[in-house]
Amino acid sequence: ALPPGGGTGALGGASPPPPPPPPPGTRNISRQSGGQQTQTGGQQLPGG
């Protein structure tokens, strides 16, 4: 079972704070939002 709060990384199960605004002129280089992954062990980590 995941820890309280669903494993979001927030303290006490609360929702994490919204992402901070980027600096002026900053480009958004993240192409994928967060989320829970599932996987199995091994030398080669399989994709979800």
All heavy atoms as atom14 arrays in JSON, in Angstrom:
{
  "sequence": "ALPPGGGTGALGGASPPPPPPPPPGTRNISRQSGGQQTQTGGQQLPGG",
  "atom14_mask": [
    [1, 1, 1, 1, 1, 0, 0, 0, 0, 0, 0, 0, 0, 0],
    [1, 1, 1, 1, 1, 1, 1, 1, 0, 0, 0, 0, 0, 0],
    [1, 1, 1, 1, 1, 1, 1, 0, 0, 0, 0, 0, 0, 0],
    [1, 1, 1, 1, 1, 1, 1, 0, 0, 0, 0, 0, 0, 0],
    [1, 1, 1, 1, 0, 0, 0, 0, 0, 0, 0, 0, 0, 0],
    [1, 1, 1, 1, 0, 0, 0, 0, 0, 0, 0, 0, 0, 0],
    [1, 1, 1, 1, 0, 0, 0, 0, 0, 0, 0, 0, 0, 0],
    [1, 1, 1, 1, 1, 1, 1, 0, 0, 0, 0, 0, 0, 0],
    [1, 1, 1, 1, 0, 0, 0, 0, 0, 0, 0, 0, 0, 0],
    [1, 1, 1, 1, 1, 0, 0, 0, 0, 0, 0, 0, 0, 0],
    [1, 1, 1, 1, 1, 1, 1, 1, 0, 0, 0, 0, 0, 0],
    [1, 1, 1, 1, 0, 0, 0, 0, 0, 0, 0, 0, 0, 0],
    [1, 1, 1, 1, 0, 0, 0, 0, 0, 0, 0, 0, 0, 0],
    [1, 1, 1, 1, 1, 0, 0, 0, 0, 0, 0, 0, 0, 0],
    [1, 1, 1, 1, 1, 1, 0, 0, 0, 0, 0, 0, 0, 0],
    [1, 1, 1, 1, 1, 1, 1, 0, 0, 0, 0, 0, 0, 0],
    [1, 1, 1, 1, 1, 1, 1, 0, 0, 0, 0, 0, 0, 0],
    [1, 1, 1, 1, 1, 1, 1, 0, 0, 0, 0, 0, 0, 0],
    [1, 1, 1, 1, 1, 1, 1, 0, 0, 0, 0, 0, 0, 0],
    [1, 1, 1, 1, 1, 1, 1, 0, 0, 0, 0, 0, 0, 0],
    [1, 1, 1, 1, 1, 1, 1, 0, 0, 0, 0, 0, 0, 0],
    [1, 1, 1, 1, 1, 1, 1, 0, 0, 0, 0, 0, 0, 0],
    [1, 1, 1, 1, 1, 1, 1, 0, 0, 0, 0, 0, 0, 0],
    [1, 1, 1, 1, 1, 1, 1, 0, 0, 0, 0, 0, 0, 0],
    [1, 1, 1, 1, 0, 0, 0, 0, 0, 0, 0, 0, 0, 0],
    [1, 1, 1, 1, 1, 1, 1, 0, 0, 0, 0, 0, 0, 0],
    [1, 1, 1, 1, 1, 1, 1, 1, 1, 1, 1, 0, 0, 0],
    [1, 1, 1, 1, 1, 1, 1, 1, 0, 0, 0, 0, 0, 0],
    [1, 1, 1, 1, 1, 1, 1, 1, 0, 0, 0, 0, 0, 0],
    [1, 1, 1, 1, 1, 1, 0, 0, 0, 0, 0, 0, 0, 0],
    [1, 1, 1, 1, 1, 1, 1, 1, 1, 1, 1, 0, 0, 0],
    [1, 1, 1, 1, 1, 1, 1, 1, 1, 0, 0, 0, 0, 0],
    [1, 1, 1, 1, 1, 1, 0, 0, 0, 0, 0, 0, 0, 0],
    [1, 1, 1, 1, 0, 0, 0, 0, 0, 0, 0, 0, 0, 0],
    [1, 1, 1, 1, 0, 0, 0, 0, 0, 0, 0, 0, 0, 0],
    [1, 1, 1, 1, 1, 1, 1, 1, 1, 0, 0, 0, 0, 0],
    [1, 1, 1, 1, 1, 1, 1, 1, 1, 0, 0, 0, 0, 0],
    [1, 1, 1, 1, 1, 1, 1, 0, 0, 0, 0, 0, 0, 0],
    [1, 1, 1, 1, 1, 1, 1, 1, 1, 0, 0, 0, 0, 0],
    [1, 1, 1, 1, 1, 1, 1, 0, 0, 0, 0, 0, 0, 0],
    [1, 1, 1, 1, 0, 0, 0, 0, 0, 0, 0, 0, 0, 0],
    [1, 1, 1, 1, 0, 0, 0, 0, 0, 0, 0, 0, 0, 0],
    [1, 1, 1, 1, 1, 1, 1, 1, 1, 0, 0, 0, 0, 0],
    [1, 1, 1, 1, 1, 1, 1, 1, 1, 0, 0, 0, 0, 0],
    [1, 1, 1, 1, 1, 1, 1, 1, 0, 0, 0, 0, 0, 0],
    [1, 1, 1, 1, 1, 1, 1, 0, 0, 0, 0, 0, 0, 0],
    [1, 1, 1, 1, 0, 0, 0, 0, 0, 0, 0, 0, 0, 0],
    [1, 1, 1, 1, 0, 0, 0, 0, 0, 0, 0, 0, 0, 0]
  ],
  "atom14_positions": [
    [[0.84, -1.2, 0.0], [0.0, 0.0, 0.0], [0.87, 1.24, 0.0], [1.93, 1.27, 0.61], [-0.9, 0.0, 1.22], [0.0, 0.0, 0.0], [0.0, 0.0, 0.0], [0.0, 0.0, 0.0], [0.0, 0.0, 0.0], [0.0, 0.0, 0.0], [0.0, 0.0, 0.0], [0.0, 0.0, 0.0], [0.0, 0.0, 0.0], [0.0, 0.0, 0.0]],
    [[0.39, 2.27, -0.69], [1.11, 3.54, -0.71], [0.94, 4.23, 0.63], [-0.03, 4.01, 1.36], [0.55, 4.43, -1.82], [0.82, 3.96, -3.24], [0.1, 4.88, -4.22], [2.31, 3.97, -3.54], [0.0, 0.0, 0.0], [0.0, 0.0, 0.0], [0.0, 0.0, 0.0], [0.0, 0.0, 0.0], [0.0, 0.0, 0.0], [0.0, 0.0, 0.0]],
    [[1.88, 5.13, 0.99], [1.73, 5.89, 2.23], [0.56, 6.85, 2.15], [0.05, 7.11, 1.06], [3.06, 6.65, 2.33], [3.55, 6.73, 0.93], [3.08, 5.47, 0.27], [0.0, 0.0, 0.0], [0.0, 0.0, 0.0], [0.0, 0.0, 0.0], [0.0, 0.0, 0.0], [0.0, 0.0, 0.0], [0.0, 0.0, 0.0], [0.0, 0.0, 0.0]],
    [[0.1, 7.38, 3.29], [-1.02, 8.34, 3.27], [-0.74, 9.47, 2.29], [0.35, 10.0, 2.24], [-1.07, 8.86, 4.72], [-0.46, 7.76, 5.53], [0.59, 7.14, 4.65], [0.0, 0.0, 0.0], [0.0, 0.0, 0.0], [0.0, 0.0, 0.0], [0.0, 0.0, 0.0], [0.0, 0.0, 0.0], [0.0, 0.0, 0.0], [0.0, 0.0, 0.0]],
    [[-1.78, 9.84, 1.55], [-1.64, 10.9, 0.57], [-1.35, 10.35, -0.81], [-1.15, 11.1, -1.75], [0.0, 0.0, 0.0], [0.0, 0.0, 0.0], [0.0, 0.0, 0.0], [0.0, 0.0, 0.0], [0.0, 0.0, 0.0], [0.0, 0.0, 0.0], [0.0, 0.0, 0.0], [0.0, 0.0, 0.0], [0.0, 0.0, 0.0], [0.0, 0.0, 0.0]],
    [[-1.28, 9.0, -0.96], [-1.11, 8.43, -2.28], [0.28, 8.53, -2.82], [0.51, 8.36, -3.99], [0.0, 0.0, 0.0], [0.0, 0.0, 0.0], [0.0, 0.0, 0.0], [0.0, 0.0, 0.0], [0.0, 0.0, 0.0], [0.0, 0.0, 0.0], [0.0, 0.0, 0.0], [0.0, 0.0, 0.0], [0.0, 0.0, 0.0], [0.0, 0.0, 0.0]],
    [[1.27, 8.84, -1.95], [2.64, 8.89, -2.43], [2.93, 10.11, -3.27], [3.75, 10.06, -4.17], [0.0, 0.0, 0.0], [0.0, 0.0, 0.0], [0.0, 0.0, 0.0], [0.0, 0.0, 0.0], [0.0, 0.0, 0.0], [0.0, 0.0, 0.0], [0.0, 0.0, 0.0], [0.0, 0.0, 0.0], [0.0, 0.0, 0.0], [0.0, 0.0, 0.0]],
    [[2.23, 11.21, -2.98], [2.45, 12.41, -3.79], [3.68, 13.17, -3.37], [4.11, 14.08, -4.04], [1.24, 13.36, -3.68], [1.1, 13.74, -2.32], [-0.03, 12.68, -4.16], [0.0, 0.0, 0.0], [0.0, 0.0, 0.0], [0.0, 0.0, 0.0], [0.0, 0.0, 0.0], [0.0, 0.0, 0.0], [0.0, 0.0, 0.0], [0.0, 0.0, 0.0]],
    [[4.24, 12.82, -2.19], [5.4, 13.56, -1.71], [5.01, 14.73, -0.82], [5.86, 15.43, -0.32], [0.0, 0.0, 0.0], [0.0, 0.0, 0.0], [0.0, 0.0, 0.0], [0.0, 0.0, 0.0], [0.0, 0.0, 0.0], [0.0, 0.0, 0.0], [0.0, 0.0, 0.0], [0.0, 0.0, 0.0], [0.0, 0.0, 0.0], [0.0, 0.0, 0.0]],
    [[3.73, 14.96, -0.61], [3.3, 16.05, 0.26], [3.37, 15.61, 1.71], [3.28, 14.43, 2.02], [1.87, 16.48, -0.09], [0.0, 0.0, 0.0], [0.0, 0.0, 0.0], [0.0, 0.0, 0.0], [0.0, 0.0, 0.0], [0.0, 0.0, 0.0], [0.0, 0.0, 0.0], [0.0, 0.0, 0.0], [0.0, 0.0, 0.0], [0.0, 0.0, 0.0]],
    [[3.52, 16.56, 2.62], [3.59, 16.25, 4.04], [2.19, 16.02, 4.58], [1.27, 16.78, 4.32], [4.28, 17.4, 4.79], [5.69, 17.74, 4.32], [6.2, 18.94, 5.09], [6.61, 16.54, 4.5], [0.0, 0.0, 0.0], [0.0, 0.0, 0.0], [0.0, 0.0, 0.0], [0.0, 0.0, 0.0], [0.0, 0.0, 0.0], [0.0, 0.0, 0.0]],
    [[2.06, 14.94, 5.39], [0.78, 14.68, 6.03], [-0.34, 14.35, 5.07], [-1.5, 14.44, 5.42], [0.0, 0.0, 0.0], [0.0, 0.0, 0.0], [0.0, 0.0, 0.0], [0.0, 0.0, 0.0], [0.0, 0.0, 0.0], [0.0, 0.0, 0.0], [0.0, 0.0, 0.0], [0.0, 0.0, 0.0], [0.0, 0.0, 0.0], [0.0, 0.0, 0.0]],
    [[-0.01, 13.96, 3.83], [-1.04, 13.55, 2.88], [-1.67, 14.72, 2.14], [-2.55, 14.52, 1.33], [0.0, 0.0, 0.0], [0.0, 0.0, 0.0], [0.0, 0.0, 0.0], [0.0, 0.0, 0.0], [0.0, 0.0, 0.0], [0.0, 0.0, 0.0], [0.0, 0.0, 0.0], [0.0, 0.0, 0.0], [0.0, 0.0, 0.0], [0.0, 0.0, 0.0]],
    [[-1.24, 15.95, 2.43], [-1.82, 17.11, 1.74], [-1.27, 17.19, 0.33], [-0.24, 16.63, 0.01], [-1.48, 18.4, 2.5], [0.0, 0.0, 0.0], [0.0, 0.0, 0.0], [0.0, 0.0, 0.0], [0.0, 0.0, 0.0], [0.0, 0.0, 0.0], [0.0, 0.0, 0.0], [0.0, 0.0, 0.0], [0.0, 0.0, 0.0], [0.0, 0.0, 0.0]],
    [[-2.0, 17.88, -0.52], [-1.55, 18.03, -1.9], [-0.3, 18.87, -1.95], [-0.14, 19.81, -1.17], [-2.65, 18.7, -2.74], [-3.81, 17.9, -2.74], [0.0, 0.0, 0.0], [0.0, 0.0, 0.0], [0.0, 0.0, 0.0], [0.0, 0.0, 0.0], [0.0, 0.0, 0.0], [0.0, 0.0, 0.0], [0.0, 0.0, 0.0], [0.0, 0.0, 0.0]],
    [[0.64, 18.55, -2.87], [1.85, 19.35, -2.97], [1.53, 20.74, -3.47], [0.51, 20.95, -4.11], [2.7, 18.57, -3.99], [1.7, 17.81, -4.8], [0.59, 17.46, -3.85], [0.0, 0.0, 0.0], [0.0, 0.0, 0.0], [0.0, 0.0, 0.0], [0.0, 0.0, 0.0], [0.0, 0.0, 0.0], [0.0, 0.0, 0.0], [0.0, 0.0, 0.0]],
    [[2.4, 21.7, -3.18], [2.15, 23.07, -3.65], [2.23, 23.13, -5.16], [2.87, 22.3, -5.79], [3.29, 23.87, -3.0], [4.38, 22.87, -2.79], [3.67, 21.58, -2.47], [0.0, 0.0, 0.0], [0.0, 0.0, 0.0], [0.0, 0.0, 0.0], [0.0, 0.0, 0.0], [0.0, 0.0, 0.0], [0.0, 0.0, 0.0], [0.0, 0.0, 0.0]],
    [[1.55, 24.1, -5.76], [1.64, 24.22, -7.22], [3.06, 24.54, -7.63], [3.83, 25.1, -6.86], [0.69, 25.39, -7.53], [0.64, 26.18, -6.25], [0.76, 25.17, -5.16], [0.0, 0.0, 0.0], [0.0, 0.0, 0.0], [0.0, 0.0, 0.0], [0.0, 0.0, 0.0], [0.0, 0.0, 0.0], [0.0, 0.0, 0.0], [0.0, 0.0, 0.0]],
    [[3.44, 24.19, -8.87], [4.8, 24.47, -9.3], [5.07, 25.95, -9.32], [4.19, 26.75, -9.63], [4.85, 23.88, -10.73], [3.43, 23.8, -11.16], [2.64, 23.56, -9.91], [0.0, 0.0, 0.0], [0.0, 0.0, 0.0], [0.0, 0.0, 0.0], [0.0, 0.0, 0.0], [0.0, 0.0, 0.0], [0.0, 0.0, 0.0], [0.0, 0.0, 0.0]],
    [[6.3, 26.36, -8.96], [6.62, 27.79, -8.94], [6.66, 28.35, -10.35], [6.93, 27.61, -11.31], [8.01, 27.82, -8.3], [8.59, 26.49, -8.65], [7.44, 25.53, -8.61], [0.0, 0.0, 0.0], [0.0, 0.0, 0.0], [0.0, 0.0, 0.0], [0.0, 0.0, 0.0], [0.0, 0.0, 0.0], [0.0, 0.0, 0.0], [0.0, 0.0, 0.0]],
    [[6.38, 29.64, -10.52], [6.49, 30.22, -11.86], [7.94, 30.19, -12.32], [8.85, 30.4, -11.53], [6.0, 31.66, -11.65], [6.23, 31.93, -10.19], [6.02, 30.63, -9.5], [0.0, 0.0, 0.0], [0.0, 0.0, 0.0], [0.0, 0.0, 0.0], [0.0, 0.0, 0.0], [0.0, 0.0, 0.0], [0.0, 0.0, 0.0], [0.0, 0.0, 0.0]],
    [[8.18, 29.91, -13.6], [9.56, 29.87, -14.09], [10.14, 31.27, -14.17], [9.41, 32.26, -14.19], [9.41, 29.28, -15.51], [8.01, 29.65, -15.92], [7.2, 29.64, -14.66], [0.0, 0.0, 0.0], [0.0, 0.0, 0.0], [0.0, 0.0, 0.0], [0.0, 0.0, 0.0], [0.0, 0.0, 0.0], [0.0, 0.0, 0.0], [0.0, 0.0, 0.0]],
    [[11.47, 31.37, -14.18], [12.09, 32.68, -14.35], [11.71, 33.31, -15.68], [11.36, 32.6, -16.62], [13.6, 32.38, -14.3], [13.7, 31.0, -13.72], [12.44, 30.31, -14.08], [0.0, 0.0, 0.0], [0.0, 0.0, 0.0], [0.0, 0.0, 0.0], [0.0, 0.0, 0.0], [0.0, 0.0, 0.0], [0.0, 0.0, 0.0], [0.0, 0.0, 0.0]],
    [[11.75, 34.62, -15.78], [11.45, 35.28, -17.06], [12.35, 34.74, -18.16], [13.55, 34.63, -18.01], [11.74, 36.76, -16.78], [11.63, 36.9, -15.3], [12.07, 35.59, -14.72], [0.0, 0.0, 0.0], [0.0, 0.0, 0.0], [0.0, 0.0, 0.0], [0.0, 0.0, 0.0], [0.0, 0.0, 0.0], [0.0, 0.0, 0.0], [0.0, 0.0, 0.0]],
    [[11.73, 34.36, -19.27], [12.49, 33.85, -20.41], [12.76, 32.37, -20.34], [13.35, 31.8, -21.25], [0.0, 0.0, 0.0], [0.0, 0.0, 0.0], [0.0, 0.0, 0.0], [0.0, 0.0, 0.0], [0.0, 0.0, 0.0], [0.0, 0.0, 0.0], [0.0, 0.0, 0.0], [0.0, 0.0, 0.0], [0.0, 0.0, 0.0], [0.0, 0.0, 0.0]],
    [[12.29, 31.68, -19.27], [12.55, 30.26, -19.13], [11.65, 29.46, -20.06], [10.47, 29.75, -20.2], [12.3, 29.81, -17.67], [13.17, 30.55, -16.83], [12.56, 28.33, -17.51], [0.0, 0.0, 0.0], [0.0, 0.0, 0.0], [0.0, 0.0, 0.0], [0.0, 0.0, 0.0], [0.0, 0.0, 0.0], [0.0, 0.0, 0.0], [0.0, 0.0, 0.0]],
    [[12.23, 28.43, -20.67], [11.45, 27.53, -21.51], [11.04, 26.33, -20.69], [11.79, 25.84, -19.86], [12.26, 27.08, -22.72], [12.65, 28.21, -23.65], [13.55, 27.71, -24.75], [12.93, 26.63, -25.5], [13.56, 25.96, -26.47], [14.81, 26.24, -26.75], [12.96, 24.99, -27.12], [0.0, 0.0, 0.0], [0.0, 0.0, 0.0], [0.0, 0.0, 0.0]],
    [[9.83, 25.82, -20.92], [9.38, 24.62, -20.23], [9.97, 23.41, -20.93], [9.6, 23.09, -22.05], [7.84, 24.57, -20.25], [7.31, 23.35, -19.53], [8.07, 22.63, -18.87], [6.02, 23.12, -19.63], [0.0, 0.0, 0.0], [0.0, 0.0, 0.0], [0.0, 0.0, 0.0], [0.0, 0.0, 0.0], [0.0, 0.0, 0.0], [0.0, 0.0, 0.0]],
    [[10.91, 22.73, -20.28], [11.59, 21.61, -20.95], [11.08, 20.27, -20.45], [11.62, 19.24, -20.81], [13.11, 21.7, -20.76], [13.48, 21.55, -19.29], [13.65, 22.97, -21.34], [14.97, 21.52, -19.06], [0.0, 0.0, 0.0], [0.0, 0.0, 0.0], [0.0, 0.0, 0.0], [0.0, 0.0, 0.0], [0.0, 0.0, 0.0], [0.0, 0.0, 0.0]],
    [[10.06, 20.27, -19.62], [9.49, 19.0, -19.18], [8.36, 18.63, -20.13], [7.48, 19.41, -20.41], [8.97, 19.12, -17.75], [8.37, 17.91, -17.36], [0.0, 0.0, 0.0], [0.0, 0.0, 0.0], [0.0, 0.0, 0.0], [0.0, 0.0, 0.0], [0.0, 0.0, 0.0], [0.0, 0.0, 0.0], [0.0, 0.0, 0.0], [0.0, 0.0, 0.0]],
    [[8.39, 17.4, -20.63], [7.38, 16.96, -21.6], [6.45, 15.9, -21.02], [5.71, 15.28, -21.73], [8.07, 16.37, -22.83], [8.93, 17.39, -23.57], [9.58, 16.75, -24.75], [10.37, 17.7, -25.5], [11.14, 17.37, -26.51], [11.24, 16.12, -26.89], [11.83, 18.28, -27.16], [0.0, 0.0, 0.0], [0.0, 0.0, 0.0], [0.0, 0.0, 0.0]],
    [[6.57, 15.67, -19.73], [5.76, 14.61, -19.15], [5.43, 14.98, -17.73], [6.28, 15.41, -16.98], [6.55, 13.29, -19.17], [5.8, 12.11, -18.57], [6.56, 10.82, -18.8], [7.09, 10.6, -19.86], [6.6, 9.98, -17.8], [0.0, 0.0, 0.0], [0.0, 0.0, 0.0], [0.0, 0.0, 0.0], [0.0, 0.0, 0.0], [0.0, 0.0, 0.0]],
    [[4.15, 14.86, -17.35], [3.76, 15.17, -15.98], [4.04, 13.98, -15.09], [4.28, 12.88, -15.55], [2.27, 15.54, -15.95], [1.5, 14.45, -16.4], [0.0, 0.0, 0.0], [0.0, 0.0, 0.0], [0.0, 0.0, 0.0], [0.0, 0.0, 0.0], [0.0, 0.0, 0.0], [0.0, 0.0, 0.0], [0.0, 0.0, 0.0], [0.0, 0.0, 0.0]],
    [[3.99, 14.24, -13.79], [4.27, 13.18, -12.84], [3.15, 12.17, -12.79], [2.09, 12.32, -13.35], [0.0, 0.0, 0.0], [0.0, 0.0, 0.0], [0.0, 0.0, 0.0], [0.0, 0.0, 0.0], [0.0, 0.0, 0.0], [0.0, 0.0, 0.0], [0.0, 0.0, 0.0], [0.0, 0.0, 0.0], [0.0, 0.0, 0.0], [0.0, 0.0, 0.0]],
    [[3.37, 11.11, -12.06], [2.36, 10.08, -11.92], [2.98, 8.84, -11.32], [4.18, 8.67, -11.3], [0.0, 0.0, 0.0], [0.0, 0.0, 0.0], [0.0, 0.0, 0.0], [0.0, 0.0, 0.0], [0.0, 0.0, 0.0], [0.0, 0.0, 0.0], [0.0, 0.0, 0.0], [0.0, 0.0, 0.0], [0.0, 0.0, 0.0], [0.0, 0.0, 0.0]],
    [[2.13, 7.92, -10.86], [2.6, 6.7, -10.25], [3.03, 5.71, -11.33], [2.32, 5.47, -12.29], [1.47, 6.09, -9.4], [1.82, 4.77, -8.75], [2.86, 4.95, -7.68], [2.97, 6.04, -7.13], [3.62, 3.93, -7.39], [0.0, 0.0, 0.0], [0.0, 0.0, 0.0], [0.0, 0.0, 0.0], [0.0, 0.0, 0.0], [0.0, 0.0, 0.0]],
    [[4.24, 5.17, -11.2], [4.7, 4.16, -12.14], [4.71, 2.81, -11.44], [4.86, 2.72, -10.23], [6.11, 4.47, -12.64], [6.23, 5.78, -13.38], [6.74, 6.87, -12.5], [7.41, 6.62, -11.5], [6.43, 8.09, -12.83], [0.0, 0.0, 0.0], [0.0, 0.0, 0.0], [0.0, 0.0, 0.0], [0.0, 0.0, 0.0], [0.0, 0.0, 0.0]],
    [[4.59, 1.77, -12.23], [4.76, 0.42, -11.7], [5.84, -0.24, -12.49], [6.02, 0.0, -13.68], [3.47, -0.4, -11.81], [3.07, -0.46, -13.18], [2.33, 0.24, -11.0], [0.0, 0.0, 0.0], [0.0, 0.0, 0.0], [0.0, 0.0, 0.0], [0.0, 0.0, 0.0], [0.0, 0.0, 0.0], [0.0, 0.0, 0.0], [0.0, 0.0, 0.0]],
    [[6.61, -1.11, -11.82], [7.72, -1.74, -12.49], [8.16, -2.96, -11.69], [7.73, -3.17, -10.57], [8.9, -0.77, -12.6], [9.4, -0.28, -11.26], [10.4, 0.84, -11.42], [10.3, 1.64, -12.33], [11.35, 0.9, -10.55], [0.0, 0.0, 0.0], [0.0, 0.0, 0.0], [0.0, 0.0, 0.0], [0.0, 0.0, 0.0], [0.0, 0.0, 0.0]],
    [[9.02, -3.75, -12.26], [9.59, -4.88, -11.56], [11.07, -4.71, -11.52], [11.66, -3.95, -12.29], [9.24, -6.19, -12.28], [9.72, -6.11, -13.62], [7.73, -6.41, -12.31], [0.0, 0.0, 0.0], [0.0, 0.0, 0.0], [0.0, 0.0, 0.0], [0.0, 0.0, 0.0], [0.0, 0.0, 0.0], [0.0, 0.0, 0.0], [0.0, 0.0, 0.0]],
    [[11.74, -5.44, -10.61], [13.18, -5.29, -10.47], [13.92, -5.9, -11.62], [13.37, -6.58, -12.49], [0.0, 0.0, 0.0], [0.0, 0.0, 0.0], [0.0, 0.0, 0.0], [0.0, 0.0, 0.0], [0.0, 0.0, 0.0], [0.0, 0.0, 0.0], [0.0, 0.0, 0.0], [0.0, 0.0, 0.0], [0.0, 0.0, 0.0], [0.0, 0.0, 0.0]],
    [[15.26, -5.68, -11.64], [16.08, -6.28, -12.68], [17.1, -5.31, -13.17], [17.06, -4.13, -12.87], [0.0, 0.0, 0.0], [0.0, 0.0, 0.0], [0.0, 0.0, 0.0], [0.0, 0.0, 0.0], [0.0, 0.0, 0.0], [0.0, 0.0, 0.0], [0.0, 0.0, 0.0], [0.0, 0.0, 0.0], [0.0, 0.0, 0.0], [0.0, 0.0, 0.0]],
    [[18.04, -5.81, -13.97], [19.08, -4.97, -14.51], [18.51, -3.95, -15.48], [18.9, -2.81, -15.49], [20.12, -5.84, -15.24], [20.82, -6.85, -14.33], [21.75, -6.18, -13.37], [22.43, -5.24, -13.75], [21.79, -6.61, -12.12], [0.0, 0.0, 0.0], [0.0, 0.0, 0.0], [0.0, 0.0, 0.0], [0.0, 0.0, 0.0], [0.0, 0.0, 0.0]],
    [[17.58, -4.4, -16.35], [16.94, -3.51, -17.31], [15.58, -3.13, -16.77], [14.75, -3.98, -16.53], [16.81, -4.2, -18.66], [15.93, -3.46, -19.66], [16.58, -2.19, -20.13], [17.74, -2.19, -20.49], [15.85, -1.11, -20.12], [0.0, 0.0, 0.0], [0.0, 0.0, 0.0], [0.0, 0.0, 0.0], [0.0, 0.0, 0.0], [0.0, 0.0, 0.0]],
    [[15.33, -1.84, -16.55], [14.06, -1.41, -16.0], [13.04, -1.29, -17.12], [13.21, -0.52, -18.05], [14.2, -0.05, -15.3], [15.24, -0.01, -14.18], [15.2, 1.35, -13.5], [14.99, -1.1, -13.18], [0.0, 0.0, 0.0], [0.0, 0.0, 0.0], [0.0, 0.0, 0.0], [0.0, 0.0, 0.0], [0.0, 0.0, 0.0], [0.0, 0.0, 0.0]],
    [[11.94, -2.07, -17.07], [10.96, -2.03, -18.16], [10.16, -0.76, -18.14], [10.0, -0.12, -17.11], [10.07, -3.25, -17.86], [10.16, -3.42, -16.38], [11.58, -3.02, -16.01], [0.0, 0.0, 0.0], [0.0, 0.0, 0.0], [0.0, 0.0, 0.0], [0.0, 0.0, 0.0], [0.0, 0.0, 0.0], [0.0, 0.0, 0.0], [0.0, 0.0, 0.0]],
    [[9.62, -0.38, -19.3], [8.79, 0.81, -19.38], [7.37, 0.52, -18.94], [6.91, -0.62, -18.95], [0.0, 0.0, 0.0], [0.0, 0.0, 0.0], [0.0, 0.0, 0.0], [0.0, 0.0, 0.0], [0.0, 0.0, 0.0], [0.0, 0.0, 0.0], [0.0, 0.0, 0.0], [0.0, 0.0, 0.0], [0.0, 0.0, 0.0], [0.0, 0.0, 0.0]],
    [[6.67, 1.57, -18.56], [5.29, 1.41, -18.13], [4.35, 1.64, -19.29], [4.74, 1.76, -20.44], [0.0, 0.0, 0.0], [0.0, 0.0, 0.0], [0.0, 0.0, 0.0], [0.0, 0.0, 0.0], [0.0, 0.0, 0.0], [0.0, 0.0, 0.0], [0.0, 0.0, 0.0], [0.0, 0.0, 0.0], [0.0, 0.0, 0.0], [0.0, 0.0, 0.0]]
  ]
}
